[in-house]
C-alpha atoms as a PDB file:
ATOM      1  CA  MET A   1     108.329 111.224 115.953  1.00  0.00           C
ATOM      2  CA  LYS A   2     107.420 108.336 113.196  1.00  0.00           C
ATOM      3  CA  PHE A   3     105.466 105.422 114.230  1.00  0.00           C
ATOM      4  CA  GLY A   4     105.723 101.355 113.394  1.00  0.00           C
ATOM      5  CA  ILE A   5     104.438  98.179 114.205  1.00  0.00           C
ATOM      6  CA  THR A   6     106.189  94.943 115.387  1.00  0.00           C
ATOM      7  CA  ILE A   7     104.761  92.070 114.551  1.00  0.00           C
ATOM      8  CA  LYS A   8     105.042  88.450 116.600  1.00  0.00           C
ATOM      9  CA  PRO A   9     105.067  85.646 113.647  1.00  0.00           C
ATOM     10  CA  ASP A  10     102.506  83.388 115.378  1.00  0.00           C
ATOM     11  CA  ILE A  11      99.579  83.961 113.303  1.00  0.00           C
ATOM     12  CA  SER A  12      99.030  83.433 109.951  1.00  0.00           C
ATOM     13  CA  VAL A  13     100.665  84.321 107.196  1.00  0.00           C
ATOM     14  CA  GLU A  14      98.189  86.126 105.283  1.00  0.00           C
ATOM     15  CA  ARG A  15      97.016  87.932 109.027  1.00  0.00           C
ATOM     16  CA  ILE A  16     100.854  89.210 108.948  1.00  0.00           C
ATOM     17  CA  LEU A  17     100.517  90.331 105.347  1.00  0.00           C
ATOM     18  CA  SER A  18      97.213  91.989 106.434  1.00  0.00           C
ATOM     19  CA  LEU A  19      97.971  93.900 109.025  1.00  0.00           C
ATOM     20  CA  THR A  20     101.411  95.204 107.489  1.00  0.00           C
ATOM     21  CA  GLU A  21      99.124  96.289 104.440  1.00  0.00           C
ATOM     22  CA  GLN A  22      96.629  97.926 106.928  1.00  0.00           C
ATOM     23  CA  ALA A  23      99.598  99.337 108.976  1.00  0.00           C
ATOM     24  CA  GLU A  24     100.897 101.357 105.802  1.00  0.00           C
ATOM     25  CA  GLU A  25      97.557 102.740 104.870  1.00  0.00           C
ATOM     26  CA  SER A  26      97.067 103.765 108.678  1.00  0.00           C
ATOM     27  CA  GLY A  27     100.229 105.892 108.515  1.00  0.00           C
ATOM     28  CA  PHE A  28     102.655 103.575 110.241  1.00  0.00           C
ATOM     29  CA  GLN A  29     106.191 104.105 108.495  1.00  0.00           C
ATOM     30  CA  TYR A  30     107.947 101.091 110.105  1.00  0.00           C
ATOM     31  CA  GLY A  31     107.028  97.619 109.824  1.00  0.00           C
ATOM     32  CA  TRP A  32     109.095  95.315 112.071  1.00  0.00           C
ATOM     33  CA  ILE A  33     109.080  91.347 112.765  1.00  0.00           C
ATOM     34  CA  PHE A  34     110.028  89.133 115.522  1.00  0.00           C
ATOM     35  CA  ASP A  35     112.991  86.678 115.426  1.00  0.00           C
ATOM     36  CA  SER A  36     113.052  83.882 117.041  1.00  0.00           C
ATOM     37  CA  HIS A  37     113.367  81.112 114.911  1.00  0.00           C
ATOM     38  CA  VAL A  38     112.201  78.129 117.326  1.00  0.00           C
ATOM     39  CA  LEU A  39     109.418  80.100 118.983  1.00  0.00           C
ATOM     40  CA  TRP A  40     107.956  81.336 115.584  1.00  0.00           C
ATOM     41  CA  LYS A  41     107.580  81.160 111.967  1.00  0.00           C
ATOM     42  CA  GLU A  42     111.323  82.358 110.378  1.00  0.00           C
ATOM     43  CA  PRO A  43     111.193  86.243 109.575  1.00  0.00           C
ATOM     44  CA  TYR A  44     113.325  86.465 106.634  1.00  0.00           C
ATOM     45  CA  PRO A  45     110.560  84.650 104.195  1.00  0.00           C
ATOM     46  CA  LEU A  46     107.717  86.906 105.901  1.00  0.00           C
ATOM     47  CA  LEU A  47     109.844  89.884 105.250  1.00  0.00           C
ATOM     48  CA  THR A  48     110.191  89.224 101.701  1.00  0.00           C
ATOM     49  CA  LEU A  49     106.380  88.518 101.589  1.00  0.00           C
ATOM     50  CA  MET A  50     106.171  92.012 103.306  1.00  0.00           C
ATOM     51  CA  ALA A  51     108.376  94.306 101.202  1.00  0.00           C
ATOM     52  CA  SER A  52     105.975  92.911  98.141  1.00  0.00           C
ATOM     53  CA  ARG A  53     103.035  93.828  99.787  1.00  0.00           C
ATOM     54  CA  THR A  54     104.297  97.525 100.423  1.00  0.00           C
ATOM     55  CA  HIS A  55     105.347 100.486  99.171  1.00  0.00           C
ATOM     56  CA  GLY A  56     106.851 102.961 101.042  1.00  0.00           C
ATOM     57  CA  MET A  57     106.955 100.852 104.647  1.00  0.00           C
ATOM     58  CA  ARG A  58     110.547 100.547 105.968  1.00  0.00           C
ATOM     59  CA  LEU A  59     110.936  96.804 107.096  1.00  0.00           C
ATOM     60  CA  GLY A  60     113.086  94.966 109.820  1.00  0.00           C
ATOM     61  CA  THR A  61     114.165  92.772 112.170  1.00  0.00           C
ATOM     62  CA  CYS A  62     113.125  93.735 116.008  1.00  0.00           C
ATOM     63  CA  VAL A  63     115.501  91.892 116.707  1.00  0.00           C
ATOM     64  CA  THR A  64     117.819  89.497 115.495  1.00  0.00           C
ATOM     65  CA  ASN A  65     121.387  88.298 116.631  1.00  0.00           C
ATOM     66  CA  PRO A  66     124.922  87.855 115.491  1.00  0.00           C
ATOM     67  CA  ALA A  67     124.607  84.150 117.037  1.00  0.00           C
ATOM     68  CA  VAL A  68     121.829  81.604 115.604  1.00  0.00           C
ATOM     69  CA  ARG A  69     122.536  82.223 112.138  1.00  0.00           C
ATOM     70  CA  ASP A  70     125.847  82.430 110.454  1.00  0.00           C
ATOM     71  CA  LEU A  71     126.855  86.182 110.292  1.00  0.00           C
ATOM     72  CA  THR A  72     127.528  85.594 106.437  1.00  0.00           C
ATOM     73  CA  VAL A  73     123.933  84.298 106.000  1.00  0.00           C
ATOM     74  CA  THR A  74     122.373  86.878 107.830  1.00  0.00           C
ATOM     75  CA  ALA A  75     124.248  89.575 105.857  1.00  0.00           C
ATOM     76  CA  SER A  76     123.097  87.836 102.532  1.00  0.00           C
ATOM     77  CA  LEU A  77     120.118  87.785 103.545  1.00  0.00           C
ATOM     78  CA  PHE A  78     119.507  91.544 104.534  1.00  0.00           C
ATOM     79  CA  ALA A  79     121.440  92.383 100.966  1.00  0.00           C
ATOM     80  CA  THR A  80     118.725  90.590  99.142  1.00  0.00           C
ATOM     81  CA  LEU A  81     116.015  91.901 101.120  1.00  0.00           C
ATOM     82  CA  ASN A  82     117.484  95.086 100.574  1.00  0.00           C
ATOM     83  CA  LEU A  83     117.667  94.248  96.705  1.00  0.00           C
ATOM     84  CA  ILE A  84     114.100  93.044  96.959  1.00  0.00           C
ATOM     85  CA  SER A  85     112.513  96.059  98.676  1.00  0.00           C
ATOM     86  CA  GLY A  86     114.221  98.691  96.731  1.00  0.00           C
ATOM     87  CA  GLY A  87     116.236  99.601  99.518  1.00  0.00           C
ATOM     88  CA  ARG A  88     113.777  99.507 102.251  1.00  0.00           C
ATOM     89  CA  MET A  89     115.603  97.596 104.950  1.00  0.00           C
ATOM     90  CA  GLU A  90     116.520  98.405 108.501  1.00  0.00           C
ATOM     91  CA  VAL A  91     118.174  95.804 110.369  1.00  0.00           C
ATOM     92  CA  GLY A  92     117.443  95.685 114.506  1.00  0.00           C
ATOM     93  CA  ILE A  93     119.761  93.552 116.413  1.00  0.00           C
ATOM     94  CA  GLY A  94     121.071  92.512 119.540  1.00  0.00           C
ATOM     95  CA  ARG A  95     122.314  90.182 122.149  1.00  0.00           C
ATOM     96  CA  GLY A  96     120.148  87.377 121.526  1.00  0.00           C
ATOM     97  CA  ASP A  97     117.218  86.560 124.239  1.00  0.00           C
ATOM     98  CA  SER A  98     114.201  83.951 123.598  1.00  0.00           C
ATOM     99  CA  SER A  99     115.822  82.951 120.101  1.00  0.00           C
ATOM    100  CA  ARG A 100     119.187  81.964 122.359  1.00  0.00           C
ATOM    101  CA  ARG A 101     118.098  80.839 125.789  1.00  0.00           C
ATOM    102  CA  VAL A 102     115.008  78.737 124.046  1.00  0.00           C
ATOM    103  CA  LEU A 103     118.157  76.612 123.141  1.00  0.00           C
ATOM    104  CA  GLY A 104     120.078  76.375 126.435  1.00  0.00           C
ATOM    105  CA  LYS A 105     122.218  79.312 124.953  1.00  0.00           C
ATOM    106  CA  SER A 106     123.431  82.667 126.416  1.00  0.00           C
ATOM    107  CA  PRO A 107     123.120  85.643 124.525  1.00  0.00           C
ATOM    108  CA  VAL A 108     126.351  87.364 123.317  1.00  0.00           C
ATOM    109  CA  THR A 109     128.648  89.511 124.986  1.00  0.00           C
ATOM    110  CA  PRO A 110     128.475  93.499 124.016  1.00  0.00           C
ATOM    111  CA  LYS A 111     131.971  92.996 122.575  1.00  0.00           C
ATOM    112  CA  GLU A 112     130.461  90.587 119.879  1.00  0.00           C
ATOM    113  CA  LEU A 113     127.234  92.236 119.021  1.00  0.00           C
ATOM    114  CA  GLU A 114     130.127  95.244 118.573  1.00  0.00           C
ATOM    115  CA  ARG A 115     132.149  93.288 116.219  1.00  0.00           C
ATOM    116  CA  ALA A 116     128.912  91.281 114.781  1.00  0.00           C
ATOM    117  CA  VAL A 117     127.359  94.869 113.543  1.00  0.00           C
ATOM    118  CA  LYS A 118     130.945  96.152 112.082  1.00  0.00           C
ATOM    119  CA  THR A 119     130.780  92.666 109.681  1.00  0.00           C
ATOM    120  CA  LEU A 120     127.742  92.945 109.103  1.00  0.00           C
ATOM    121  CA  ARG A 121     127.758  96.415 107.620  1.00  0.00           C
ATOM    122  CA  ASP A 122     130.546  95.847 105.545  1.00  0.00           C
ATOM    123  CA  LEU A 123     129.269  92.593 103.880  1.00  0.00           C
ATOM    124  CA  THR A 124     126.238  94.193 103.133  1.00  0.00           C
ATOM    125  CA  ALA A 125     128.107  96.985 101.443  1.00  0.00           C
ATOM    126  CA  GLY A 126     130.055  94.831  99.247  1.00  0.00           C
ATOM    127  CA  ARG A 127     133.278  95.318 101.332  1.00  0.00           C
ATOM    128  CA  GLU A 128     135.945  92.714 101.837  1.00  0.00           C
ATOM    129  CA  VAL A 129     136.156  91.651 105.339  1.00  0.00           C
ATOM    130  CA  GLN A 130     138.652  89.132 107.058  1.00  0.00           C
ATOM    131  CA  TYR A 131     136.027  86.446 108.223  1.00  0.00           C
ATOM    132  CA  ASP A 132     137.363  83.290 110.302  1.00  0.00           C
ATOM    133  CA  GLY A 133     140.581  84.398 108.504  1.00  0.00           C
ATOM    134  CA  GLN A 134     139.373  84.032 105.317  1.00  0.00           C
ATOM    135  CA  PRO A 135     138.757  87.239 102.682  1.00  0.00           C
ATOM    136  CA  THR A 136     135.105  87.232 102.566  1.00  0.00           C
ATOM    137  CA  ARG A 137     133.217  89.539 100.161  1.00  0.00           C
ATOM    138  CA  ILE A 138     129.342  89.770  99.243  1.00  0.00           C
ATOM    139  CA  SER A 139     130.431  90.966  95.859  1.00  0.00           C
ATOM    140  CA  TRP A 140     126.522  91.827  94.291  1.00  0.00           C
ATOM    141  CA  ALA A 141     125.642  93.486  97.511  1.00  0.00           C
ATOM    142  CA  THR A 142     125.356  97.302  97.658  1.00  0.00           C
ATOM    143  CA  GLY A 143     123.915  99.939 100.281  1.00  0.00           C
ATOM    144  CA  ALA A 144     124.308  98.642 103.992  1.00  0.00           C
ATOM    145  CA  PRO A 145     120.612  98.808 105.807  1.00  0.00           C
ATOM    146  CA  ARG A 146     120.930 100.951 108.968  1.00  0.00           C
ATOM    147  CA  VAL A 147     121.580  99.108 111.951  1.00  0.00           C
ATOM    148  CA  TRP A 148     119.076  99.653 115.328  1.00  0.00           C
ATOM    149  CA  ILE A 149     120.950  98.038 118.512  1.00  0.00           C
ATOM    150  CA  ALA A 150     118.727  96.931 121.396  1.00  0.00           C
ATOM    151  CA  GLY A 151     119.875  96.658 124.469  1.00  0.00           C
ATOM    152  CA  TYR A 152     119.363  97.901 128.600  1.00  0.00           C
ATOM    153  CA  GLY A 153     122.781  97.641 130.214  1.00  0.00           C
ATOM    154  CA  PRO A 154     125.571 100.580 130.098  1.00  0.00           C
ATOM    155  CA  LYS A 155     127.943  98.543 128.039  1.00  0.00           C
ATOM    156  CA  VAL A 156     125.511  97.879 125.401  1.00  0.00           C
ATOM    157  CA  LEU A 157     124.092 101.170 125.229  1.00  0.00           C
ATOM    158  CA  SER A 158     127.533 103.400 125.152  1.00  0.00           C
ATOM    159  CA  MET A 159     128.888 100.793 122.085  1.00  0.00           C
ATOM    160  CA  ALA A 160     125.451 101.712 120.264  1.00  0.00           C
ATOM    161  CA  GLY A 161     126.470 105.345 121.127  1.00  0.00           C
ATOM    162  CA  ARG A 162     129.778 104.768 119.193  1.00  0.00           C
ATOM    163  CA  VAL A 163     128.214 102.759 116.287  1.00  0.00           C
ATOM    164  CA  ALA A 164     124.542 102.031 115.854  1.00  0.00           C
ATOM    165  CA  ASP A 165     122.745 104.466 113.401  1.00  0.00           C
ATOM    166  CA  GLY A 166     119.719 103.780 116.085  1.00  0.00           C
ATOM    167  CA  ILE A 167     118.886 102.187 119.613  1.00  0.00           C
ATOM    168  CA  ILE A 168     115.563 100.042 120.158  1.00  0.00           C
ATOM    169  CA  LEU A 169     114.468 100.646 123.689  1.00  0.00           C
ATOM    170  CA  GLN A 170     112.047  98.329 124.694  1.00  0.00           C
ATOM    171  CA  PHE A 171     109.921  99.968 127.324  1.00  0.00           C
ATOM    172  CA  ALA A 172     107.737 103.556 127.134  1.00  0.00           C
ATOM    173  CA  ASP A 173     109.105 104.923 130.565  1.00  0.00           C
ATOM    174  CA  PRO A 174     110.297 108.420 129.683  1.00  0.00           C
ATOM    175  CA  ASP A 175     112.406 108.373 132.942  1.00  0.00           C
ATOM    176  CA  LEU A 176     114.234 105.391 131.842  1.00  0.00           C
ATOM    177  CA  ILE A 177     114.672 106.066 128.203  1.00  0.00           C
ATOM    178  CA  SER A 178     115.925 109.159 129.612  1.00  0.00           C
ATOM    179  CA  TRP A 179     118.761 107.311 131.896  1.00  0.00           C
ATOM    180  CA  CYS A 180     119.441 104.730 128.677  1.00  0.00           C
ATOM    181  CA  LEU A 181     120.207 107.838 126.361  1.00  0.00           C
ATOM    182  CA  GLY A 182     122.900 109.113 129.080  1.00  0.00           C
ATOM    183  CA  PHE A 183     125.213 106.182 128.138  1.00  0.00           C
ATOM    184  CA  VAL A 184     124.049 106.582 124.494  1.00  0.00           C
ATOM    185  CA  GLU A 185     125.012 110.228 124.146  1.00  0.00           C
ATOM    186  CA  GLN A 186     128.289 109.194 126.207  1.00  0.00           C
ATOM    187  CA  GLY A 187     129.417 106.710 123.717  1.00  0.00           C
ATOM    188  CA  ALA A 188     128.530 108.832 120.639  1.00  0.00           C
ATOM    189  CA  ARG A 189     130.793 111.928 122.333  1.00  0.00           C
ATOM    190  CA  GLU A 190     133.716 109.727 122.609  1.00  0.00           C
ATOM    191  CA  ALA A 191     133.458 108.430 119.187  1.00  0.00           C
ATOM    192  CA  GLY A 192     133.451 111.947 117.867  1.00  0.00           C
ATOM    193  CA  ARG A 193     129.600 111.613 116.732  1.00  0.00           C
ATOM    194  CA  ASP A 194     126.624 114.012 116.942  1.00  0.00           C
ATOM    195  CA  PRO A 195     124.224 111.805 119.444  1.00  0.00           C
ATOM    196  CA  LYS A 196     121.236 113.811 118.024  1.00  0.00           C
ATOM    197  CA  SER A 197     122.184 111.833 114.794  1.00  0.00           C
ATOM    198  CA  ILE A 198     121.436 108.305 116.239  1.00  0.00           C
ATOM    199  CA  GLU A 199     117.357 107.327 115.857  1.00  0.00           C
ATOM    200  CA  VAL A 200     115.825 106.708 119.141  1.00  0.00           C
ATOM    201  CA  MET A 201     113.187 103.981 119.157  1.00  0.00           C
ATOM    202  CA  ALA A 202     110.699 103.124 121.792  1.00  0.00           C
ATOM    203  CA  ALA A 203     108.915  99.903 121.540  1.00  0.00           C
ATOM    204  CA  ALA A 204     105.785  99.011 123.726  1.00  0.00           C
ATOM    205  CA  PRO A 205     102.436  97.604 123.379  1.00  0.00           C
ATOM    206  CA  VAL A 206      99.519  99.756 123.330  1.00  0.00           C
ATOM    207  CA  TRP A 207      95.674  99.518 124.328  1.00  0.00           C
ATOM    208  CA  VAL A 208      92.995 102.143 123.934  1.00  0.00           C
ATOM    209  CA  SER A 209      90.258 101.690 126.411  1.00  0.00           C
ATOM    210  CA  ASP A 210      88.732 103.760 128.823  1.00  0.00           C
ATOM    211  CA  ASP A 211      88.761 100.420 131.227  1.00  0.00           C
ATOM    212  CA  LEU A 212      92.317 100.157 132.896  1.00  0.00           C
ATOM    213  CA  SER A 213      91.785  96.856 134.402  1.00  0.00           C
ATOM    214  CA  VAL A 214      91.248  95.771 130.703  1.00  0.00           C
ATOM    215  CA  ALA A 215      93.905  97.668 129.104  1.00  0.00           C
ATOM    216  CA  ARG A 216      96.481  96.483 131.890  1.00  0.00           C
ATOM    217  CA  GLN A 217      95.389  93.141 131.439  1.00  0.00           C
ATOM    218  CA  ARG A 218      96.239  92.775 127.846  1.00  0.00           C
ATOM    219  CA  VAL A 219      99.822  94.401 128.330  1.00  0.00           C
ATOM    220  CA  ARG A 220     101.132  93.104 131.551  1.00  0.00           C
ATOM    221  CA  TRP A 221     102.853  90.598 129.537  1.00  0.00           C
ATOM    222  CA  PHE A 222     105.266  93.030 128.484  1.00  0.00           C
ATOM    223  CA  PRO A 223     107.048  93.975 131.195  1.00  0.00           C
ATOM    224  CA  ALA A 224     107.668  90.386 131.682  1.00  0.00           C
ATOM    225  CA  LEU A 225     109.595  90.021 128.982  1.00  0.00           C
ATOM    226  CA  VAL A 226     111.166  92.941 129.656  1.00  0.00           C
ATOM    227  CA  SER A 227     112.346  91.481 132.993  1.00  0.00           C
ATOM    228  CA  ASN A 228     114.198  88.783 131.339  1.00  0.00           C
ATOM    229  CA  HIS A 229     116.555  91.597 129.887  1.00  0.00           C
ATOM    230  CA  VAL A 230     116.507  93.413 133.652  1.00  0.00           C
ATOM    231  CA  VAL A 231     117.555  89.390 135.490  1.00  0.00           C
ATOM    232  CA  ASP A 232     120.594  89.519 133.241  1.00  0.00           C
ATOM    233  CA  LEU A 233     121.757  93.002 133.941  1.00  0.00           C
ATOM    234  CA  VAL A 234     121.233  92.184 137.686  1.00  0.00           C
ATOM    235  CA  SER A 235     123.759  90.062 137.141  1.00  0.00           C
ATOM    236  CA  ARG A 236     125.930  91.836 135.609  1.00  0.00           C
ATOM    237  CA  TYR A 237     125.893  95.174 137.395  1.00  0.00           C
ATOM    238  CA  LYS A 238     126.314  96.621 140.763  1.00  0.00           C
ATOM    239  CA  PRO A 239     123.065  97.739 142.155  1.00  0.00           C
ATOM    240  CA  GLU A 240     124.136 101.205 142.205  1.00  0.00           C
ATOM    241  CA  GLU A 241     125.138 100.957 138.843  1.00  0.00           C
ATOM    242  CA  LEU A 242     121.275 100.441 137.468  1.00  0.00           C
ATOM    243  CA  PRO A 243     118.375 102.797 138.224  1.00  0.00           C
ATOM    244  CA  SER A 244     115.804 100.843 141.061  1.00  0.00           C
ATOM    245  CA  ALA A 245     112.741 102.041 138.751  1.00  0.00           C
ATOM    246  CA  LEU A 246     114.327  99.416 135.917  1.00  0.00           C
ATOM    247  CA  THR A 247     115.412  96.341 138.893  1.00  0.00           C
ATOM    248  CA  SER A 248     112.911  96.695 141.369  1.00  0.00           C
ATOM    249  CA  TYR A 249     109.754  95.219 140.022  1.00  0.00           C
ATOM    250  CA  VAL A 250     111.932  92.096 139.333  1.00  0.00           C
ATOM    251  CA  ARG A 251     112.471  90.472 143.146  1.00  0.00           C
ATOM    252  CA  ASN A 252     108.940  89.026 143.293  1.00  0.00           C
ATOM    253  CA  ARG A 253     110.159  87.101 139.546  1.00  0.00           C
ATOM    254  CA  GLY A 254     109.525  83.272 139.588  1.00  0.00           C
ATOM    255  CA  GLY A 255     110.527  81.136 136.464  1.00  0.00           C
ATOM    256  CA  TYR A 256     110.154  82.472 132.857  1.00  0.00           C
ATOM    257  CA  ASP A 257     108.831  79.713 130.212  1.00  0.00           C
ATOM    258  CA  TYR A 258     109.605  80.569 126.875  1.00  0.00           C
ATOM    259  CA  HIS A 259     107.524  78.659 125.212  1.00  0.00           C
ATOM    260  CA  HIS A 260     104.728  81.214 126.684  1.00  0.00           C
ATOM    261  CA  HIS A 261     106.961  84.527 126.019  1.00  0.00           C
ATOM    262  CA  CYS A 262     104.628  87.281 124.790  1.00  0.00           C
ATOM    263  CA  GLU A 263     101.403  85.706 125.564  1.00  0.00           C
ATOM    264  CA  VAL A 264      98.371  87.721 126.640  1.00  0.00           C
ATOM    265  CA  ASP A 265      97.269  86.353 130.422  1.00  0.00           C
ATOM    266  CA  SER A 266     100.705  84.178 130.653  1.00  0.00           C
ATOM    267  CA  ASP A 267     101.560  83.025 134.024  1.00  0.00           C
ATOM    268  CA  ASN A 268     104.804  84.611 133.207  1.00  0.00           C
ATOM    269  CA  ALA A 269     103.427  87.991 134.173  1.00  0.00           C
ATOM    270  CA  SER A 270     101.856  87.495 137.193  1.00  0.00           C
ATOM    271  CA  PHE A 271     104.303  89.158 139.566  1.00  0.00           C
ATOM    272  CA  VAL A 272     103.740  92.213 137.429  1.00  0.00           C
ATOM    273  CA  SER A 273     102.070  95.191 139.408  1.00  0.00           C
ATOM    274  CA  ASP A 274      99.666  97.783 137.560  1.00  0.00           C
ATOM    275  CA  GLU A 275     102.268 100.687 138.174  1.00  0.00           C
ATOM    276  CA  VAL A 276     104.975  98.638 136.504  1.00  0.00           C
ATOM    277  CA  VAL A 277     102.552  98.009 133.480  1.00  0.00           C
ATOM    278  CA  ASP A 278     101.534 101.843 133.287  1.00  0.00           C
ATOM    279  CA  ARG A 279     105.285 102.762 133.488  1.00  0.00           C
ATOM    280  CA  PHE A 280     106.479 100.773 130.585  1.00  0.00           C
ATOM    281  CA  CYS A 281     102.986 100.294 128.143  1.00  0.00           C
ATOM    282  CA  LEU A 282     100.427 102.818 126.851  1.00  0.00           C
ATOM    283  CA  VAL A 283      96.522 102.035 128.240  1.00  0.00           C
ATOM    284  CA  GLY A 284      94.046 104.220 128.923  1.00  0.00           C
ATOM    285  CA  PRO A 285      91.609 106.314 126.422  1.00  0.00           C
ATOM    286  CA  ALA A 286      93.443 107.951 123.532  1.00  0.00           C
ATOM    287  CA  ASP A 287      93.746 111.083 125.201  1.00  0.00           C
ATOM    288  CA  ALA A 288      96.037 109.688 127.602  1.00  0.00           C
ATOM    289  CA  HIS A 289      98.196 108.025 124.520  1.00  0.00           C
ATOM    290  CA  LEU A 290      98.491 111.415 123.135  1.00  0.00           C
ATOM    291  CA  GLU A 291      99.959 112.643 126.487  1.00  0.00           C
ATOM    292  CA  LYS A 292     102.283 110.075 126.568  1.00  0.00           C
ATOM    293  CA  LEU A 293     103.437 110.253 123.408  1.00  0.00           C
ATOM    294  CA  ARG A 294     104.058 113.862 123.408  1.00  0.00           C
ATOM    295  CA  ILE A 295     106.328 113.333 126.526  1.00  0.00           C
ATOM    296  CA  LEU A 296     108.161 110.339 125.114  1.00  0.00           C
ATOM    297  CA  ALA A 297     108.579 112.778 121.836  1.00  0.00           C
ATOM    298  CA  SER A 298     110.105 115.416 124.498  1.00  0.00           C
ATOM    299  CA  VAL A 299     112.994 113.053 126.038  1.00  0.00           C
ATOM    300  CA  GLY A 300     114.101 112.176 122.446  1.00  0.00           C
ATOM    301  CA  VAL A 301     112.134 109.396 121.339  1.00  0.00           C
ATOM    302  CA  THR A 302     112.134 109.459 117.193  1.00  0.00           C
ATOM    303  CA  GLN A 303     109.841 106.482 116.502  1.00  0.00           C
ATOM    304  CA  PHE A 304     107.293 104.754 118.991  1.00  0.00           C
ATOM    305  CA  ASN A 305     106.792 101.085 117.730  1.00  0.00           C
ATOM    306  CA  ILE A 306     103.417  99.530 118.777  1.00  0.00           C
ATOM    307  CA  TYR A 307     104.149  96.108 119.629  1.00  0.00           C
ATOM    308  CA  LEU A 308     100.985  94.615 117.699  1.00  0.00           C
ATOM    309  CA  MET A 309     100.426  91.665 119.861  1.00  0.00           C
ATOM    310  CA  CYS A 310      97.898  91.809 122.298  1.00  0.00           C
ATOM    311  CA  GLY A 311      94.656  90.630 120.398  1.00  0.00           C
ATOM    312  CA  ASP A 312      91.997  92.745 118.344  1.00  0.00           C
ATOM    313  CA  GLU A 313      95.227  94.321 116.086  1.00  0.00           C
ATOM    314  CA  GLU A 314      93.283  95.212 113.271  1.00  0.00           C
ATOM    315  CA  GLN A 315      90.705  97.658 115.899  1.00  0.00           C
ATOM    316  CA  THR A 316      94.251  98.923 117.759  1.00  0.00           C
ATOM    317  CA  LEU A 317      95.670  99.739 114.005  1.00  0.00           C
ATOM    318  CA  GLU A 318      92.150 101.642 112.991  1.00  0.00           C
ATOM    319  CA  THR A 319      91.773 103.325 116.358  1.00  0.00           C
ATOM    320  CA  TYR A 320      95.881 104.985 116.089  1.00  0.00           C
ATOM    321  CA  LYS A 321      94.682 106.139 112.426  1.00  0.00           C
ATOM    322  CA  ARG A 322      91.462 107.645 113.509  1.00  0.00           C
ATOM    323  CA  ASP A 323      92.244 109.270 117.091  1.00  0.00           C
ATOM    324  CA  VAL A 324      95.972 109.244 117.808  1.00  0.00           C
ATOM    325  CA  LEU A 325      98.009 109.973 114.699  1.00  0.00           C
ATOM    326  CA  PRO A 326      96.395 112.717 113.033  1.00  0.00           C
ATOM    327  CA  GLN A 327      95.812 114.400 116.244  1.00  0.00           C
ATOM    328  CA  PHE A 328      99.748 114.192 117.531  1.00  0.00           C
ATOM    329  CA  ARG A 329     100.791 115.362 114.204  1.00  0.00           C
ATOM    330  CA  THR A 330      98.718 118.114 113.689  1.00  0.00           C
ATOM    331  CA  GLU A 331     100.230 119.328 117.469  1.00  0.00           C
ATOM    332  CA  VAL A 332     103.548 118.717 115.891  1.00  0.00           C
ATOM    333  CA  SER A 333     102.894 120.641 112.732  1.00  0.00           C
ATOM    334  CA  ARG A 334     101.835 123.477 114.994  1.00  0.00           C
ATOM    335  CA  ALA A 335     104.391 123.523 117.259  1.00  0.00           C
ATOM    336  CA  ALA A 336     106.954 123.626 114.142  1.00  0.00           C
ATOM    337  CA  SER A 337     105.311 126.354 112.383  1.00  0.00           C
END
């Protein structure tokens, strides 16, 4: 299992770069950044700076979408960043949540997302496409970045199995991840692909502390974020098509204010129970984090991505560097030998 971080670009530019540098030095191999251009700073200039301040860390959006920018613009951005970074870019993409809904718009459909992924791949590889009926090619682009698709529902998950290099699952619940991967594997097999060739990311916030009450409060905003996707799923699928472990916790959900998206102590999270927090996030002492990481690895997770946005981010990186990553990697090495 590899490790990454995701930064919410609502902090200073210098702190974003400092955290990225610290994460790479601490042993994290991936650096991701949210893309919600109205709520927070534009990610692409920040990714340019992150590329200039790192050496081997792979970088990308977690996640962009095909609708808020013309797809040729997004392709040119990634192709340019791939040149700047020496081929270290990764495309995290989804249907669009906060960046669309804050504008009063809906996410794109799974079919639109699938078409966009193919077009994005072709454009960033320098291949010609028919774009709105016009032959279009970014002639200077070479080497398409890998594409990670974010999703929860059976349609997007199956589609990711057909076309994605990696899947982004925004929770750390092993049972729900296993449920999701069933659709990914089905889609992969239908497309003649080896399901094991698809990377699996579990993305969630963490808080290392012996005080579970404090830890849960720091990350309670995260299941509230996930609830936006769950409510969308409930509107599109029959109850029996979705696991109750995913849908039941949104029954008492009130309204959601996107202007307080991903905020610690936000009223958006008042409906989230401790049980849901414990399933979706990593909380407690370092040993508890190690145990859950072992379980995530056992169900097929190949990257654990910390949503580094709960406060005291520098200390979280230091604690993982000292108490979590070395022990986890030592265990993996012993098991392999």
